[in-house]
């Protein structure tokens, strides 16, 4: 979003579709209604918090002097904040609250809705770039993000997803693949380090250590290995299941085109196949026989 609020007409204005020169789409109507509901909820929540505070401390003179009905109304409606639009513009997308939006709308509805529009644009890029899918499995560092992006882009290039459903399945495929790799590496790490760690414990044990002293319960190496192996197998199965779902989606959603077919067998699920051509021939023969009888 540019530094200056310019030319583009906001996709939402005054929190309702009213005032648009052209009829807004159903998506924009639904989004406007959603924002209106959330902002009203924020107003009621803030107002209730003030009156709850007054009821909790009825003898506190300072609170009673500050929280007058006029101040509570201003606070709940978001008119007590200064530079609300600028604060909204410089707040990270994932930290913007409904209170921030409400105060900015009160100050300047058009500029506030341009900020909201930028938030939705950022959300689209956040999901389309794969960051949303990477964060879901805890990939935070640059190298981890890079690994996930390479795997995801490879799957996308192979599959060439058509639409949001297939794109989501590609993300799921990448998530299950890297999760499988993680637990597979954990299993090998536990298996390879078990003897080394056991020897190190024996070497570092002091002669004064009480063998009967309490130690927190931990999984044995055999249990850790079994758990890691099970998790690797589980994610491998999830990967293969997702791959089959993608294959089935392509198989059953593709149109069937029949050209110059001499015979077509049609059957519903579990039903008996019907030979369309043979049935037509039987009907013709039956018609010929009836005509011959009439002539005789």
Protein backbone atom coordinates (compact mmCIF):
# COMPACT_ATOMS: atom_id res chain seq x y z
CA UNK A 1 0.00 0.00 0.00
CA UNK A 2 1.45 3.43 -0.98
CA UNK A 3 2.35 6.07 1.55
CA UNK A 4 -0.44 8.37 0.39
CA UNK A 5 -4.09 7.38 0.36
CA UNK A 6 -4.97 7.77 -3.28
CA UNK A 7 -7.31 7.39 -5.93
CA UNK A 8 -8.79 3.92 -5.54
CA UNK A 9 -12.34 3.76 -4.28
CA UNK A 10 -12.48 1.70 -1.08
CA UNK A 11 -14.15 -1.66 -1.44
CA UNK A 12 -15.94 -1.07 1.87
CA UNK A 13 -17.35 2.26 2.96
CA UNK A 14 -19.19 3.21 6.16
CA UNK A 15 -19.29 -0.52 7.05
CA UNK A 16 -22.33 -1.15 4.85
CA UNK A 17 -22.93 -1.52 1.09
CA UNK A 18 -24.95 1.73 1.15
CA UNK A 19 -23.41 4.57 -0.80
CA UNK A 20 -21.80 2.50 -3.51
CA UNK A 21 -22.38 3.84 -7.00
CA UNK A 22 -22.51 0.32 -8.40
CA UNK A 23 -24.20 -2.66 -6.85
CA UNK A 24 -21.58 -4.51 -4.73
CA UNK A 25 -20.98 -8.19 -5.22
CA UNK A 26 -22.44 -10.75 -2.76
CA UNK A 27 -18.91 -11.24 -1.38
CA UNK A 28 -18.55 -7.53 -0.57
CA UNK A 29 -22.03 -7.41 0.96
CA UNK A 30 -21.19 -10.35 3.22
CA UNK A 31 -17.85 -8.80 4.17
CA UNK A 32 -19.49 -5.47 4.98
CA UNK A 33 -22.13 -7.17 7.15
CA UNK A 34 -19.39 -9.12 8.92
CA UNK A 35 -17.41 -5.97 9.65
CA UNK A 36 -20.49 -4.14 10.89
CA UNK A 37 -21.30 -7.00 13.29
CA UNK A 38 -17.72 -7.16 14.59
CA UNK A 39 -17.50 -3.41 15.14
CA UNK A 40 -20.82 -3.35 16.99
CA UNK A 41 -19.63 -6.26 19.12
CA UNK A 42 -16.42 -4.35 19.90
CA UNK A 43 -18.48 -1.31 20.90
CA UNK A 44 -20.66 -3.32 23.26
CA UNK A 45 -17.68 -5.15 24.76
CA UNK A 46 -15.81 -1.94 25.55
CA UNK A 47 -18.90 -0.31 27.03
CA UNK A 48 -19.62 -3.33 29.21
CA UNK A 49 -16.01 -3.41 30.47
CA UNK A 50 -16.34 0.17 31.71
CA UNK A 51 -19.56 -0.49 33.62
CA UNK A 52 -18.12 -3.72 35.03
CA UNK A 53 -15.19 -1.71 36.37
CA UNK A 54 -17.57 0.77 38.02
CA UNK A 55 -19.53 -2.07 39.64
CA UNK A 56 -16.35 -3.74 40.83
CA UNK A 57 -15.03 -0.57 42.54
CA UNK A 58 -18.12 1.42 43.55
CA UNK A 59 -16.26 3.43 46.22
CA UNK A 60 -13.31 4.49 44.09
CA UNK A 61 -13.80 8.22 43.51
CA UNK A 62 -11.11 8.49 40.84
CA UNK A 63 -12.73 5.78 38.70
CA UNK A 64 -16.18 7.31 39.14
CA UNK A 65 -14.85 10.75 38.13
CA UNK A 66 -13.13 9.38 35.04
CA UNK A 67 -15.76 6.95 33.79
CA UNK A 68 -18.65 9.30 33.25
CA UNK A 69 -21.44 8.26 30.83
CA UNK A 70 -20.08 10.70 28.26
CA UNK A 71 -16.54 9.29 28.49
CA UNK A 72 -17.77 5.69 28.36
CA UNK A 73 -19.73 6.44 25.18
CA UNK A 74 -16.70 8.05 23.56
CA UNK A 75 -14.42 5.23 24.66
CA UNK A 76 -16.80 2.53 23.40
CA UNK A 77 -17.34 4.24 20.05
CA UNK A 78 -13.61 4.78 19.53
CA UNK A 79 -13.55 8.57 19.51
CA UNK A 80 -10.97 8.98 22.29
CA UNK A 81 -7.99 7.80 20.22
CA UNK A 82 -5.71 10.19 18.34
CA UNK A 83 -4.11 9.48 14.96
CA UNK A 84 -6.00 6.20 14.76
CA UNK A 85 -5.61 5.90 10.99
CA UNK A 86 -1.84 6.36 11.13
CA UNK A 87 -1.59 3.82 13.93
CA UNK A 88 -3.62 1.36 11.87
CA UNK A 89 -1.43 1.93 8.82
CA UNK A 90 1.75 1.15 10.76
CA UNK A 91 0.47 -1.79 12.78
CA UNK A 92 1.57 -5.25 11.57
CA UNK A 93 -1.24 -7.00 9.72
CA UNK A 94 -1.51 -9.88 12.17
CA UNK A 95 -1.69 -7.53 15.17
CA UNK A 96 -4.57 -5.32 13.97
CA UNK A 97 -7.59 -5.60 16.28
CA UNK A 98 -11.22 -4.69 15.79
CA UNK A 99 -10.63 -1.81 18.20
CA UNK A 100 -7.95 -0.41 15.86
CA UNK A 101 -10.33 -0.65 12.92
CA UNK A 102 -13.21 0.91 14.85
CA UNK A 103 -11.19 3.92 15.97
CA UNK A 104 -9.83 4.45 12.47
CA UNK A 105 -13.33 4.25 10.96
CA UNK A 106 -14.57 6.91 13.36
CA UNK A 107 -11.65 9.17 12.46
CA UNK A 108 -11.77 8.69 8.68
CA UNK A 109 -13.92 5.90 7.26
CA UNK A 110 -12.53 6.04 3.72
CA UNK A 111 -8.87 5.86 4.75
CA UNK A 112 -9.64 3.20 7.33
CA UNK A 113 -11.33 1.01 4.76
CA UNK A 114 -8.36 1.41 2.42
CA UNK A 115 -6.24 0.01 5.25
CA UNK A 116 -8.71 -2.85 5.68
CA UNK A 117 -8.55 -3.48 1.94
CA UNK A 118 -4.75 -3.68 2.23
CA UNK A 119 -5.14 -6.22 5.04
CA UNK A 120 -7.26 -8.45 2.81
CA UNK A 121 -4.76 -8.10 -0.03
CA UNK A 122 -1.96 -9.08 2.35
CA UNK A 123 -3.97 -12.06 3.58
CA UNK A 124 -4.34 -13.24 -0.01
CA UNK A 125 -0.60 -12.99 -0.60
CA UNK A 126 0.11 -14.62 2.76
CA UNK A 127 -1.86 -17.72 1.77
CA UNK A 128 -0.93 -17.78 -1.93
CA UNK A 129 2.80 -17.60 -1.13
CA UNK A 130 2.64 -20.64 1.16
CA UNK A 131 3.61 -18.77 4.34
CA UNK A 132 0.31 -19.72 5.97
CA UNK A 133 0.95 -23.41 5.28
CA UNK A 134 4.58 -23.18 6.48
CA UNK A 135 3.68 -21.49 9.76
CA UNK A 136 1.04 -24.13 10.48
CA UNK A 137 3.80 -26.74 10.85
CA UNK A 138 6.14 -24.45 12.78
CA UNK A 139 8.60 -23.50 10.02
CA UNK A 140 9.90 -20.10 11.17
CA UNK A 141 13.57 -19.74 10.21
CA UNK A 142 14.59 -18.51 6.73
CA UNK A 143 16.17 -21.84 5.83
CA UNK A 144 13.09 -23.80 6.91
CA UNK A 145 10.85 -21.46 4.92
CA UNK A 146 13.14 -21.90 1.94
CA UNK A 147 12.98 -25.69 2.20
CA UNK A 148 9.21 -25.67 2.42
CA UNK A 149 8.91 -23.26 -0.52
CA UNK A 150 11.09 -25.46 -2.72
CA UNK A 151 9.03 -28.57 -1.92
CA UNK A 152 5.73 -26.73 -2.35
CA UNK A 153 6.75 -25.14 -5.64
CA UNK A 154 7.92 -28.51 -6.94
CA UNK A 155 4.56 -30.08 -6.15
CA UNK A 156 2.74 -27.12 -7.73
CA UNK A 157 4.79 -27.33 -10.91
CA UNK A 158 4.11 -31.06 -11.19
CA UNK A 159 0.41 -30.85 -10.42
CA UNK A 160 -0.53 -27.46 -11.89
CA UNK A 161 -3.48 -27.00 -9.47
CA UNK A 162 -6.77 -25.80 -10.93
CA UNK A 163 -8.59 -23.67 -8.39
CA UNK A 164 -8.48 -23.18 -4.63
CA UNK A 165 -9.37 -26.77 -3.67
CA UNK A 166 -6.46 -28.28 -5.57
CA UNK A 167 -4.13 -25.53 -4.28
CA UNK A 168 -5.14 -26.42 -0.73
CA UNK A 169 -4.45 -30.08 -1.41
CA UNK A 170 -0.98 -29.21 -2.74
CA UNK A 171 -0.29 -27.29 0.49
CA UNK A 172 -1.49 -30.30 2.47
CA UNK A 173 0.75 -32.57 0.42
CA UNK A 174 3.79 -30.38 1.16
CA UNK A 175 2.92 -30.21 4.87
CA UNK A 176 2.57 -33.97 5.25
CA UNK A 177 5.76 -34.56 3.25
CA UNK A 178 7.97 -32.31 5.41
CA UNK A 179 6.31 -33.65 8.58
CA UNK A 180 7.14 -37.18 7.45
CA UNK A 181 10.76 -36.12 6.86
CA UNK A 182 10.94 -34.54 10.32
CA UNK A 183 9.77 -37.63 12.18
CA UNK A 184 11.90 -39.90 10.01
CA UNK A 185 14.99 -37.87 10.94
CA UNK A 186 13.94 -38.00 14.60
CA UNK A 187 13.69 -41.78 14.47
CA UNK A 188 17.20 -42.11 12.97
CA UNK A 189 18.60 -39.56 15.42
CA UNK A 190 17.23 -41.46 18.42
CA UNK A 191 18.45 -44.76 17.03
CA UNK A 192 21.98 -43.48 16.33
CA UNK A 193 22.46 -41.51 19.56
CA UNK A 194 21.09 -43.99 22.08
CA UNK A 195 24.40 -45.74 22.82
CA UNK A 196 26.41 -42.49 22.80
CA UNK A 197 24.13 -40.76 25.32
CA UNK A 198 24.07 -43.80 27.60
CA UNK A 199 27.90 -43.91 27.67
CA UNK A 200 28.06 -40.18 28.39
CA UNK A 201 25.71 -40.56 31.37
CA UNK A 202 27.90 -43.29 32.84
CA UNK A 203 31.05 -41.16 32.47
CA UNK A 204 29.54 -38.02 34.04
CA UNK A 205 27.85 -39.75 36.99
CA UNK A 206 29.42 -38.57 40.28
CA UNK A 207 30.28 -41.07 43.02
CA UNK A 208 28.09 -39.14 45.49
CA UNK A 209 24.98 -39.28 43.33
CA UNK A 210 22.15 -41.05 45.04
CA UNK A 211 20.89 -43.78 42.72
CA UNK A 212 17.56 -43.69 44.46
CA UNK A 213 16.99 -39.93 44.07
CA UNK A 214 13.83 -38.88 42.27
CA UNK A 215 14.08 -38.19 38.55
CA UNK A 216 11.27 -36.87 36.34
CA UNK A 217 9.55 -39.53 34.28
CA UNK A 218 10.83 -39.72 30.75
CA UNK A 219 10.24 -41.92 27.76
CA UNK A 220 12.82 -44.63 27.32
CA UNK A 221 14.86 -44.62 24.11
CA UNK A 222 12.88 -47.60 22.88
CA UNK A 223 9.61 -45.73 23.53
CA UNK A 224 10.92 -42.56 21.85
CA UNK A 225 12.05 -44.56 18.84
CA UNK A 226 8.69 -46.32 18.61
CA UNK A 227 6.81 -43.02 18.88
CA UNK A 228 8.95 -41.33 16.22
CA UNK A 229 8.54 -44.31 13.91
CA UNK A 230 4.78 -44.30 14.38
CA UNK A 231 4.59 -40.57 13.67
CA UNK A 232 6.69 -40.97 10.53
CA UNK A 233 4.42 -43.78 9.37
CA UNK A 234 1.33 -41.72 10.19
CA UNK A 235 2.48 -38.74 8.13
CA UNK A 236 3.53 -41.00 5.29
CA UNK A 237 0.01 -42.41 5.23
CA UNK A 238 -1.44 -38.89 5.32
CA UNK A 239 0.80 -37.96 2.39
CA UNK A 240 -0.34 -40.94 0.33
CA UNK A 241 -3.99 -40.34 1.26
CA UNK A 242 -3.75 -36.73 0.14
CA UNK A 243 -2.12 -37.84 -3.11
CA UNK A 244 -4.97 -40.29 -3.76
CA UNK A 245 -7.54 -37.57 -3.03
CA UNK A 246 -5.88 -35.31 -5.58
CA UNK A 247 -5.85 -38.11 -8.13
CA UNK A 248 -9.52 -38.95 -7.48
CA UNK A 249 -10.51 -35.29 -7.72
CA UNK A 250 -8.97 -35.07 -11.17
CA UNK A 251 -10.37 -38.42 -12.24
CA UNK A 252 -14.00 -37.87 -11.24
CA UNK A 253 -14.28 -34.16 -12.00
CA UNK A 254 -13.07 -34.45 -15.60
CA UNK A 255 -15.88 -34.52 -18.22
CA UNK A 256 -16.39 -37.73 -20.20
CA UNK A 257 -16.62 -37.19 -23.97
CA UNK A 258 -17.80 -40.02 -26.22
CA UNK A 259 -17.24 -39.70 -29.94
CA UNK A 260 -18.48 -42.12 -32.62
CA UNK A 261 -19.25 -44.90 -30.18
CA UNK A 262 -20.91 -47.95 -31.63
CA UNK A 263 -21.85 -49.32 -28.22
CA UNK A 264 -22.06 -47.60 -24.81
CA UNK A 265 -22.63 -49.45 -21.54
CA UNK A 266 -24.25 -47.19 -18.93
CA UNK A 267 -24.50 -48.14 -15.26
CA UNK A 268 -25.06 -46.33 -11.98
CA UNK A 269 -23.04 -47.20 -8.87
CA UNK A 270 -23.54 -50.87 -8.17
CA UNK A 271 -26.24 -51.21 -10.82
CA UNK A 272 -26.35 -53.52 -13.80
CA UNK A 273 -24.85 -52.28 -17.03
CA UNK A 274 -27.30 -51.60 -19.85
CA UNK A 275 -26.26 -52.16 -23.45
CA UNK A 276 -27.86 -49.16 -25.10
CA UNK A 277 -27.16 -50.28 -28.65
CA UNK A 278 -28.45 -53.83 -28.06
CA UNK A 279 -31.64 -52.52 -26.50
CA UNK A 280 -32.26 -50.29 -29.50
CA UNK A 281 -31.77 -53.23 -31.85
CA UNK A 282 -34.22 -55.38 -29.87
CA UNK A 283 -36.80 -52.61 -30.09
CA UNK A 284 -36.32 -52.44 -33.87
CA UNK A 285 -36.72 -56.22 -34.27
CA UNK A 286 -39.84 -56.18 -32.12
CA UNK A 287 -41.26 -53.40 -34.29
CA UNK A 288 -40.53 -55.35 -37.49
CA UNK A 289 -42.23 -58.47 -36.14
CA UNK A 290 -45.34 -56.51 -35.21
CA UNK A 291 -45.51 -54.99 -38.73
CA UNK A 292 -45.17 -58.44 -40.33
CA UNK A 293 -48.03 -59.80 -38.22
CA UNK A 294 -50.26 -56.90 -39.23
CA UNK A 295 -49.52 -57.54 -42.95
CA UNK A 296 -50.27 -61.26 -42.59
